[in-house]
PDB file of N, CA and C in Angstrom:
ATOM      1  N   MET A   1      74.039 -60.880  29.810  1.00  0.00           N
ATOM      2  CA  MET A   1      74.858 -61.739  30.634  1.00  0.00           C
ATOM      3  C   MET A   1      76.301 -61.576  30.169  1.00  0.00           C
ATOM      4  N   LYS A   2      77.162 -61.308  31.078  1.00  0.00           N
ATOM      5  CA  LYS A   2      78.574 -61.119  30.743  1.00  0.00           C
ATOM      6  C   LYS A   2      79.280 -62.461  30.690  1.00  0.00           C
ATOM      7  N   ARG A   3      80.158 -62.597  29.695  1.00  0.00           N
ATOM      8  CA  ARG A   3      80.982 -63.787  29.527  1.00  0.00           C
ATOM      9  C   ARG A   3      82.345 -63.343  29.043  1.00  0.00           C
ATOM     10  N   THR A   4      83.349 -64.044  29.439  1.00  0.00           N
ATOM     11  CA  THR A   4      84.688 -63.794  28.922  1.00  0.00           C
ATOM     12  C   THR A   4      85.041 -64.955  28.007  1.00  0.00           C
ATOM     13  N   ILE A   5      85.278 -64.623  26.749  1.00  0.00           N
ATOM     14  CA  ILE A   5      85.624 -65.662  25.774  1.00  0.00           C
ATOM     15  C   ILE A   5      86.806 -65.175  24.948  1.00  0.00           C
ATOM     16  N   ASP A   6      87.559 -66.111  24.434  1.00  0.00           N
ATOM     17  CA  ASP A   6      88.717 -65.786  23.625  1.00  0.00           C
ATOM     18  C   ASP A   6      88.347 -66.004  22.154  1.00  0.00           C
ATOM     19  N   ILE A   7      88.186 -64.902  21.417  1.00  0.00           N
ATOM     20  CA  ILE A   7      87.836 -64.965  19.994  1.00  0.00           C
ATOM     21  C   ILE A   7      89.025 -64.435  19.215  1.00  0.00           C
ATOM     22  N   PRO A   8      89.513 -65.198  18.238  1.00  0.00           N
ATOM     23  CA  PRO A   8      90.635 -64.717  17.435  1.00  0.00           C
ATOM     24  C   PRO A   8      90.305 -63.353  16.812  1.00  0.00           C
ATOM     25  N   GLU A   9      91.261 -62.442  16.874  1.00  0.00           N
ATOM     26  CA  GLU A   9      91.043 -61.064  16.415  1.00  0.00           C
ATOM     27  C   GLU A   9      90.582 -61.011  14.960  1.00  0.00           C
ATOM     28  N   ARG A  10      91.214 -61.805  14.103  1.00  0.00           N
ATOM     29  CA  ARG A  10      90.848 -61.801  12.674  1.00  0.00           C
ATOM     30  C   ARG A  10      89.399 -62.264  12.485  1.00  0.00           C
ATOM     31  N   THR A  11      88.991 -63.272  13.240  1.00  0.00           N
ATOM     32  CA  THR A  11      87.617 -63.772  13.150  1.00  0.00           C
ATOM     33  C   THR A  11      86.630 -62.697  13.572  1.00  0.00           C
ATOM     34  N   LEU A  12      86.950 -61.998  14.649  1.00  0.00           N
ATOM     35  CA  LEU A  12      86.077 -60.941  15.142  1.00  0.00           C
ATOM     36  C   LEU A  12      86.020 -59.773  14.161  1.00  0.00           C
ATOM     37  N   GLU A  13      87.153 -59.429  13.555  1.00  0.00           N
ATOM     38  CA  GLU A  13      87.176 -58.355  12.558  1.00  0.00           C
ATOM     39  C   GLU A  13      86.302 -58.712  11.360  1.00  0.00           C
ATOM     40  N   GLU A  14      86.384 -59.967  10.919  1.00  0.00           N
ATOM     41  CA  GLU A  14      85.537 -60.410   9.800  1.00  0.00           C
ATOM     42  C   GLU A  14      84.070 -60.355  10.186  1.00  0.00           C
ATOM     43  N   ALA A  15      83.755 -60.772  11.396  1.00  0.00           N
ATOM     44  CA  ALA A  15      82.368 -60.730  11.862  1.00  0.00           C
ATOM     45  C   ALA A  15      81.858 -59.295  11.859  1.00  0.00           C
ATOM     46  N   MET A  16      82.669 -58.362  12.289  1.00  0.00           N
ATOM     47  CA  MET A  16      82.263 -56.959  12.283  1.00  0.00           C
ATOM     48  C   MET A  16      82.051 -56.461  10.855  1.00  0.00           C
ATOM     49  N   LYS A  17      82.929 -56.875   9.957  1.00  0.00           N
ATOM     50  CA  LYS A  17      82.813 -56.467   8.555  1.00  0.00           C
ATOM     51  C   LYS A  17      81.546 -57.046   7.927  1.00  0.00           C
ATOM     52  N   PHE A  18      81.322 -58.339   8.105  1.00  0.00           N
ATOM     53  CA  PHE A  18      80.180 -59.001   7.459  1.00  0.00           C
ATOM     54  C   PHE A  18      78.843 -58.612   8.066  1.00  0.00           C
ATOM     55  N   THR A  19      78.818 -58.307   9.353  1.00  0.00           N
ATOM     56  CA  THR A  19      77.555 -57.929   9.995  1.00  0.00           C
ATOM     57  C   THR A  19      77.296 -56.440   9.916  1.00  0.00           C
ATOM     58  N   GLY A  20      78.335 -55.671   9.607  1.00  0.00           N
ATOM     59  CA  GLY A  20      78.184 -54.220   9.585  1.00  0.00           C
ATOM     60  C   GLY A  20      78.132 -53.630  10.987  1.00  0.00           C
ATOM     61  N   ALA A  21      78.574 -54.407  11.955  1.00  0.00           N
ATOM     62  CA  ALA A  21      78.535 -53.983  13.348  1.00  0.00           C
ATOM     63  C   ALA A  21      79.562 -52.899  13.614  1.00  0.00           C
ATOM     64  N   LYS A  22      79.209 -52.022  14.543  1.00  0.00           N
ATOM     65  CA  LYS A  22      80.117 -50.946  14.934  1.00  0.00           C
ATOM     66  C   LYS A  22      80.916 -51.315  16.181  1.00  0.00           C
ATOM     67  N   THR A  23      80.412 -52.303  16.927  1.00  0.00           N
ATOM     68  CA  THR A  23      81.122 -52.734  18.139  1.00  0.00           C
ATOM     69  C   THR A  23      81.345 -54.238  18.082  1.00  0.00           C
ATOM     70  N   LYS A  24      82.304 -54.681  18.885  1.00  0.00           N
ATOM     71  CA  LYS A  24      82.574 -56.117  18.956  1.00  0.00           C
ATOM     72  C   LYS A  24      81.373 -56.858  19.514  1.00  0.00           C
ATOM     73  N   ARG A  25      80.738 -56.296  20.536  1.00  0.00           N
ATOM     74  CA  ARG A  25      79.556 -56.921  21.134  1.00  0.00           C
ATOM     75  C   ARG A  25      78.449 -57.091  20.095  1.00  0.00           C
ATOM     76  N   GLU A  26      78.186 -56.027  19.331  1.00  0.00           N
ATOM     77  CA  GLU A  26      77.152 -56.084  18.302  1.00  0.00           C
ATOM     78  C   GLU A  26      77.467 -57.156  17.262  1.00  0.00           C
ATOM     79  N   ALA A  27      78.735 -57.273  16.895  1.00  0.00           N
ATOM     80  CA  ALA A  27      79.139 -58.284  15.914  1.00  0.00           C
ATOM     81  C   ALA A  27      78.882 -59.690  16.444  1.00  0.00           C
ATOM     82  N   VAL A  28      79.243 -59.930  17.695  1.00  0.00           N
ATOM     83  CA  VAL A  28      79.066 -61.263  18.274  1.00  0.00           C
ATOM     84  C   VAL A  28      77.582 -61.583  18.411  1.00  0.00           C
ATOM     85  N   VAL A  29      76.799 -60.637  18.928  1.00  0.00           N
ATOM     86  CA  VAL A  29      75.359 -60.877  19.095  1.00  0.00           C
ATOM     87  C   VAL A  29      74.703 -61.142  17.738  1.00  0.00           C
ATOM     88  N   THR A  30      75.022 -60.320  16.748  1.00  0.00           N
ATOM     89  CA  THR A  30      74.444 -60.498  15.409  1.00  0.00           C
ATOM     90  C   THR A  30      74.838 -61.846  14.813  1.00  0.00           C
ATOM     91  N   ALA A  31      76.106 -62.207  14.937  1.00  0.00           N
ATOM     92  CA  ALA A  31      76.571 -63.487  14.385  1.00  0.00           C
ATOM     93  C   ALA A  31      75.877 -64.664  15.064  1.00  0.00           C
ATOM     94  N   VAL A  32      75.719 -64.612  16.369  1.00  0.00           N
ATOM     95  CA  VAL A  32      75.060 -65.706  17.093  1.00  0.00           C
ATOM     96  C   VAL A  32      73.583 -65.768  16.714  1.00  0.00           C
ATOM     97  N   GLU A  33      72.921 -64.608  16.608  1.00  0.00           N
ATOM     98  CA  GLU A  33      71.504 -64.598  16.215  1.00  0.00           C
ATOM     99  C   GLU A  33      71.324 -65.183  14.822  1.00  0.00           C
ATOM    100  N   ARG A  34      72.193 -64.808  13.892  1.00  0.00           N
ATOM    101  CA  ARG A  34      72.089 -65.335  12.523  1.00  0.00           C
ATOM    102  C   ARG A  34      72.376 -66.838  12.489  1.00  0.00           C
ATOM    103  N   PHE A  35      73.334 -67.266  13.263  1.00  0.00           N
ATOM    104  CA  PHE A  35      73.646 -68.691  13.338  1.00  0.00           C
ATOM    105  C   PHE A  35      72.436 -69.467  13.872  1.00  0.00           C
ATOM    106  N   ASN A  36      71.839 -68.955  14.953  1.00  0.00           N
ATOM    107  CA  ASN A  36      70.673 -69.627  15.539  1.00  0.00           C
ATOM    108  C   ASN A  36      69.514 -69.670  14.554  1.00  0.00           C
ATOM    109  N   ARG A  37      69.283 -68.585  13.831  1.00  0.00           N
ATOM    110  CA  ARG A  37      68.206 -68.554  12.837  1.00  0.00           C
ATOM    111  C   ARG A  37      68.460 -69.585  11.740  1.00  0.00           C
ATOM    112  N   LEU A  38      69.698 -69.651  11.273  1.00  0.00           N
ATOM    113  CA  LEU A  38      70.062 -70.625  10.248  1.00  0.00           C
ATOM    114  C   LEU A  38      69.802 -72.052  10.729  1.00  0.00           C
ATOM    115  N   LYS A  39      70.173 -72.340  11.949  1.00  0.00           N
ATOM    116  CA  LYS A  39      69.965 -73.692  12.484  1.00  0.00           C
ATOM    117  C   LYS A  39      68.475 -73.996  12.639  1.00  0.00           C
ATOM    118  N   ARG A  40      67.671 -73.001  13.057  1.00  0.00           N
ATOM    119  CA  ARG A  40      66.221 -73.229  13.150  1.00  0.00           C
ATOM    120  C   ARG A  40      65.631 -73.520  11.777  1.00  0.00           C
ATOM    121  N   LEU A  41      66.089 -72.780  10.753  1.00  0.00           N
ATOM    122  CA  LEU A  41      65.612 -73.016   9.394  1.00  0.00           C
ATOM    123  C   LEU A  41      66.030 -74.399   8.893  1.00  0.00           C
ATOM    124  N   GLU A  42      67.241 -74.809   9.214  1.00  0.00           N
ATOM    125  CA  GLU A  42      67.698 -76.146   8.821  1.00  0.00           C
ATOM    126  C   GLU A  42      66.832 -77.221   9.478  1.00  0.00           C
ATOM    127  N   GLN A  43      66.490 -77.038  10.747  1.00  0.00           N
ATOM    128  CA  GLN A  43      65.626 -78.004  11.441  1.00  0.00           C
ATOM    129  C   GLN A  43      64.251 -78.056  10.796  1.00  0.00           C
ATOM    130  N   LEU A  44      63.690 -76.887  10.503  1.00  0.00           N
ATOM    131  CA  LEU A  44      62.379 -76.843   9.866  1.00  0.00           C
ATOM    132  C   LEU A  44      62.431 -77.522   8.501  1.00  0.00           C
ATOM    133  N   ASN A  45      63.468 -77.241   7.747  1.00  0.00           N
ATOM    134  CA  ASN A  45      63.617 -77.843   6.431  1.00  0.00           C
ATOM    135  C   ASN A  45      63.700 -79.367   6.522  1.00  0.00           C
ATOM    136  N   SER A  46      64.421 -79.874   7.500  1.00  0.00           N
ATOM    137  CA  SER A  46      64.551 -81.330   7.627  1.00  0.00           C
ATOM    138  C   SER A  46      63.227 -81.972   8.031  1.00  0.00           C
ATOM    139  N   ARG A  47      62.388 -81.226   8.761  1.00  0.00           N
ATOM    140  CA  ARG A  47      61.090 -81.788   9.174  1.00  0.00           C
ATOM    141  C   ARG A  47      60.090 -81.806   8.031  1.00  0.00           C
ATOM    142  N   VAL A  48      60.114 -80.788   7.162  1.00  0.00           N
ATOM    143  CA  VAL A  48      59.092 -80.702   6.118  1.00  0.00           C
ATOM    144  C   VAL A  48      59.566 -81.210   4.763  1.00  0.00           C
ATOM    145  N   ARG A  49      60.842 -81.510   4.637  1.00  0.00           N
ATOM    146  CA  ARG A  49      61.375 -81.977   3.362  1.00  0.00           C
ATOM    147  C   ARG A  49      60.619 -83.214   2.886  1.00  0.00           C
ATOM    148  N   GLY A  50      60.159 -83.142   1.666  1.00  0.00           N
ATOM    149  CA  GLY A  50      59.463 -84.278   1.086  1.00  0.00           C
ATOM    150  C   GLY A  50      57.979 -84.327   1.383  1.00  0.00           C
ATOM    151  N   GLU A  51      57.478 -83.418   2.198  1.00  0.00           N
ATOM    152  CA  GLU A  51      56.055 -83.440   2.539  1.00  0.00           C
ATOM    153  C   GLU A  51      55.200 -82.697   1.528  1.00  0.00           C
ATOM    154  N   PHE A  52      55.787 -81.878   0.695  1.00  0.00           N
ATOM    155  CA  PHE A  52      55.037 -81.077  -0.253  1.00  0.00           C
ATOM    156  C   PHE A  52      55.208 -81.640  -1.662  1.00  0.00           C
ATOM    157  N   ARG A  53      54.584 -82.729  -1.902  1.00  0.00           N
ATOM    158  CA  ARG A  53      54.752 -83.420  -3.179  1.00  0.00           C
ATOM    159  C   ARG A  53      53.922 -82.799  -4.309  1.00  0.00           C
ATOM    160  N   ASP A  54      52.884 -82.033  -3.968  1.00  0.00           N
ATOM    161  CA  ASP A  54      51.987 -81.507  -4.985  1.00  0.00           C
ATOM    162  C   ASP A  54      52.376 -80.124  -5.495  1.00  0.00           C
ATOM    163  N   PHE A  55      53.516 -79.614  -5.078  1.00  0.00           N
ATOM    164  CA  PHE A  55      53.947 -78.316  -5.585  1.00  0.00           C
ATOM    165  C   PHE A  55      54.367 -78.434  -7.037  1.00  0.00           C
ATOM    166  N   MET A  56      54.210 -77.335  -7.762  1.00  0.00           N
ATOM    167  CA  MET A  56      54.593 -77.306  -9.170  1.00  0.00           C
ATOM    168  C   MET A  56      56.110 -77.283  -9.311  1.00  0.00           C
ATOM    169  N   THR A  57      56.539 -77.829 -10.413  1.00  0.00           N
ATOM    170  CA  THR A  57      57.948 -77.678 -10.763  1.00  0.00           C
ATOM    171  C   THR A  57      58.109 -76.319 -11.432  1.00  0.00           C
ATOM    172  N   SER A  58      59.332 -75.898 -11.623  1.00  0.00           N
ATOM    173  CA  SER A  58      59.592 -74.625 -12.307  1.00  0.00           C
ATOM    174  C   SER A  58      59.035 -74.662 -13.733  1.00  0.00           C
ATOM    175  N   ALA A  59      59.173 -75.797 -14.385  1.00  0.00           N
ATOM    176  CA  ALA A  59      58.670 -75.931 -15.758  1.00  0.00           C
ATOM    177  C   ALA A  59      57.150 -75.826 -15.795  1.00  0.00           C
ATOM    178  N   GLU A  60      56.478 -76.445 -14.830  1.00  0.00           N
ATOM    179  CA  GLU A  60      55.011 -76.367 -14.778  1.00  0.00           C
ATOM    180  C   GLU A  60      54.553 -74.939 -14.509  1.00  0.00           C
ATOM    181  N   LEU A  61      55.234 -74.255 -13.619  1.00  0.00           N
ATOM    182  CA  LEU A  61      54.889 -72.868 -13.319  1.00  0.00           C
ATOM    183  C   LEU A  61      55.089 -71.985 -14.543  1.00  0.00           C
ATOM    184  N   LYS A  62      56.183 -72.189 -15.254  1.00  0.00           N
ATOM    185  CA  LYS A  62      56.457 -71.409 -16.464  1.00  0.00           C
ATOM    186  C   LYS A  62      55.377 -71.669 -17.518  1.00  0.00           C
ATOM    187  N   ALA A  63      54.984 -72.927 -17.695  1.00  0.00           N
ATOM    188  CA  ALA A  63      53.943 -73.269 -18.672  1.00  0.00           C
ATOM    189  C   ALA A  63      52.619 -72.614 -18.283  1.00  0.00           C
ATOM    190  N   MET A  64      52.296 -72.615 -16.991  1.00  0.00           N
ATOM    191  CA  MET A  64      51.054 -71.996 -16.530  1.00  0.00           C
ATOM    192  C   MET A  64      51.073 -70.492 -16.804  1.00  0.00           C
ATOM    193  N   ARG A  65      52.201 -69.857 -16.551  1.00  0.00           N
ATOM    194  CA  ARG A  65      52.306 -68.419 -16.802  1.00  0.00           C
ATOM    195  C   ARG A  65      52.170 -68.097 -18.285  1.00  0.00           C
ATOM    196  N   GLU A  66      52.770 -68.921 -19.125  1.00  0.00           N
ATOM    197  CA  GLU A  66      52.655 -68.712 -20.568  1.00  0.00           C
ATOM    198  C   GLU A  66      51.202 -68.882 -21.022  1.00  0.00           C
ATOM    199  N   ALA A  67      50.511 -69.873 -20.484  1.00  0.00           N
ATOM    200  CA  ALA A  67      49.107 -70.076 -20.818  1.00  0.00           C
ATOM    201  C   ALA A  67      48.273 -68.882 -20.372  1.00  0.00           C
ATOM    202  N   ASP A  68      48.570 -68.360 -19.206  1.00  0.00           N
ATOM    203  CA  ASP A  68      47.849 -67.182 -18.711  1.00  0.00           C
ATOM    204  C   ASP A  68      48.100 -65.974 -19.602  1.00  0.00           C
ATOM    205  N   LYS A  69      49.338 -65.830 -20.084  1.00  0.00           N
ATOM    206  CA  LYS A  69      49.654 -64.716 -20.982  1.00  0.00           C
ATOM    207  C   LYS A  69      48.859 -64.842 -22.283  1.00  0.00           C
ATOM    208  N   ARG A  70      48.816 -66.077 -22.822  1.00  0.00           N
ATOM    209  CA  ARG A  70      48.069 -66.295 -24.071  1.00  0.00           C
ATOM    210  C   ARG A  70      46.590 -66.005 -23.866  1.00  0.00           C
ATOM    211  N   LYS A  71      46.035 -66.442 -22.745  1.00  0.00           N
ATOM    212  CA  LYS A  71      44.625 -66.206 -22.438  1.00  0.00           C
ATOM    213  C   LYS A  71      44.349 -64.711 -22.307  1.00  0.00           C
ATOM    214  N   ALA A  72      45.213 -63.989 -21.634  1.00  0.00           N
ATOM    215  CA  ALA A  72      45.043 -62.541 -21.476  1.00  0.00           C
ATOM    216  C   ALA A  72      45.116 -61.846 -22.827  1.00  0.00           C
ATOM    217  N   GLN A  73      46.033 -62.293 -23.686  1.00  0.00           N
ATOM    218  CA  GLN A  73      46.155 -61.698 -25.013  1.00  0.00           C
ATOM    219  C   GLN A  73      44.888 -61.928 -25.836  1.00  0.00           C
ATOM    220  N   LEU A  74      44.333 -63.140 -25.782  1.00  0.00           N
ATOM    221  CA  LEU A  74      43.095 -63.432 -26.509  1.00  0.00           C
ATOM    222  C   LEU A  74      41.939 -62.589 -25.993  1.00  0.00           C
ATOM    223  N   GLU A  75      41.861 -62.423 -24.672  1.00  0.00           N
ATOM    224  CA  GLU A  75      40.799 -61.595 -24.096  1.00  0.00           C
ATOM    225  C   GLU A  75      40.945 -60.147 -24.531  1.00  0.00           C
ATOM    226  N   LEU A  76      42.170 -59.662 -24.598  1.00  0.00           N
ATOM    227  CA  LEU A  76      42.422 -58.301 -25.042  1.00  0.00           C
ATOM    228  C   LEU A  76      42.018 -58.126 -26.500  1.00  0.00           C
ATOM    229  N   GLU A  77      42.360 -59.085 -27.322  1.00  0.00           N
ATOM    230  CA  GLU A  77      41.984 -59.022 -28.735  1.00  0.00           C
ATOM    231  C   GLU A  77      40.465 -59.046 -28.884  1.00  0.00           C
ATOM    232  N   HIS A  78      39.795 -59.850 -28.076  1.00  0.00           N
ATOM    233  CA  HIS A  78      38.325 -59.934 -28.101  1.00  0.00           C
ATOM    234  C   HIS A  78      37.723 -58.578 -27.720  1.00  0.00           C
ATOM    235  N   CYS A  79      38.258 -57.950 -26.698  1.00  0.00           N
ATOM    236  CA  CYS A  79      37.768 -56.641 -26.264  1.00  0.00           C
ATOM    237  C   CYS A  79      38.012 -55.587 -27.335  1.00  0.00           C
ATOM    238  N   ASP A  80      39.183 -55.645 -27.969  1.00  0.00           N
ATOM    239  CA  ASP A  80      39.492 -54.685 -29.031  1.00  0.00           C
ATOM    240  C   ASP A  80      38.502 -54.809 -30.182  1.00  0.00           C
ATOM    241  N   LYS A  81      38.141 -56.042 -30.505  1.00  0.00           N
ATOM    242  CA  LYS A  81      37.193 -56.278 -31.597  1.00  0.00           C
ATOM    243  C   LYS A  81      35.851 -55.641 -31.272  1.00  0.00           C
ATOM    244  N   HIS A  82      35.368 -55.861 -30.061  1.00  0.00           N
ATOM    245  CA  HIS A  82      34.074 -55.296 -29.681  1.00  0.00           C
ATOM    246  C   HIS A  82      34.155 -53.790 -29.516  1.00  0.00           C
ATOM    247  N   PHE A  83      35.277 -53.279 -29.091  1.00  0.00           N
ATOM    248  CA  PHE A  83      35.449 -51.843 -28.964  1.00  0.00           C
ATOM    249  C   PHE A  83      35.331 -51.187 -30.330  1.00  0.00           C
ATOM    250  N   ASP A  84      35.942 -51.818 -31.352  1.00  0.00           N
ATOM    251  CA  ASP A  84      35.870 -51.274 -32.709  1.00  0.00           C
ATOM    252  C   ASP A  84      34.432 -51.265 -33.221  1.00  0.00           C
ATOM    253  N   GLU A  85      33.612 -52.229 -32.771  1.00  0.00           N
ATOM    254  CA  GLU A  85      32.209 -52.278 -33.180  1.00  0.00           C
ATOM    255  C   GLU A  85      31.375 -51.233 -32.438  1.00  0.00           C
ATOM    256  N   ILE A  86      31.717 -50.984 -31.173  1.00  0.00           N
ATOM    257  CA  ILE A  86      30.915 -50.084 -30.341  1.00  0.00           C
ATOM    258  C   ILE A  86      31.301 -48.627 -30.545  1.00  0.00           C
ATOM    259  N   LEU A  87      32.539 -48.350 -30.890  1.00  0.00           N
ATOM    260  CA  LEU A  87      33.012 -46.982 -31.021  1.00  0.00           C
ATOM    261  C   LEU A  87      32.163 -46.145 -32.005  1.00  0.00           C
ATOM    262  N   PRO A  88      31.849 -46.666 -33.190  1.00  0.00           N
ATOM    263  CA  PRO A  88      31.013 -45.857 -34.100  1.00  0.00           C
ATOM    264  C   PRO A  88      29.640 -45.562 -33.488  1.00  0.00           C
ATOM    265  N   LEU A  89      29.065 -46.497 -32.754  1.00  0.00           N
ATOM    266  CA  LEU A  89      27.768 -46.270 -32.125  1.00  0.00           C
ATOM    267  C   LEU A  89      27.867 -45.192 -31.055  1.00  0.00           C
ATOM    268  N   ALA A  90      28.944 -45.194 -30.334  1.00  0.00           N
ATOM    269  CA  ALA A  90      29.129 -44.197 -29.280  1.00  0.00           C
ATOM    270  C   ALA A  90      29.341 -42.826 -29.877  1.00  0.00           C
ATOM    271  N   LYS A  91      30.032 -42.738 -30.991  1.00  0.00           N
ATOM    272  CA  LYS A  91      30.243 -41.451 -31.642  1.00  0.00           C
ATOM    273  C   LYS A  91      28.948 -40.886 -32.193  1.00  0.00           C
ATOM    274  N   ALA A  92      28.044 -41.790 -32.572  1.00  0.00           N
ATOM    275  CA  ALA A  92      26.764 -41.360 -33.133  1.00  0.00           C
ATOM    276  C   ALA A  92      25.864 -40.726 -32.069  1.00  0.00           C
ATOM    277  N   LEU A  93      26.097 -40.998 -30.816  1.00  0.00           N
ATOM    278  CA  LEU A  93      25.259 -40.441 -29.755  1.00  0.00           C
ATOM    279  C   LEU A  93      25.507 -39.018 -29.548  1.00  0.00           C
TER     280      LEU A  93
END
């Protein structure tokens, strides 16, 4: 759809620079699409904000990851111990 609008030259140049557009039309379309996407995300955020109370905090997630690392290390040490016991038996075969 064709429209005639007055856009300040400096604003349009910045839009072309920030969007990486090669044409003025591409810059305007890209800027409007990004603006619309941002507004849709803001609407979604306002609707769901506060509804996810059971999510972990960053500290809880970090603690869980550290516990998983410790558990993996213990399992590895356990496997190494049994490997050292089984290796001589395997060599004997």
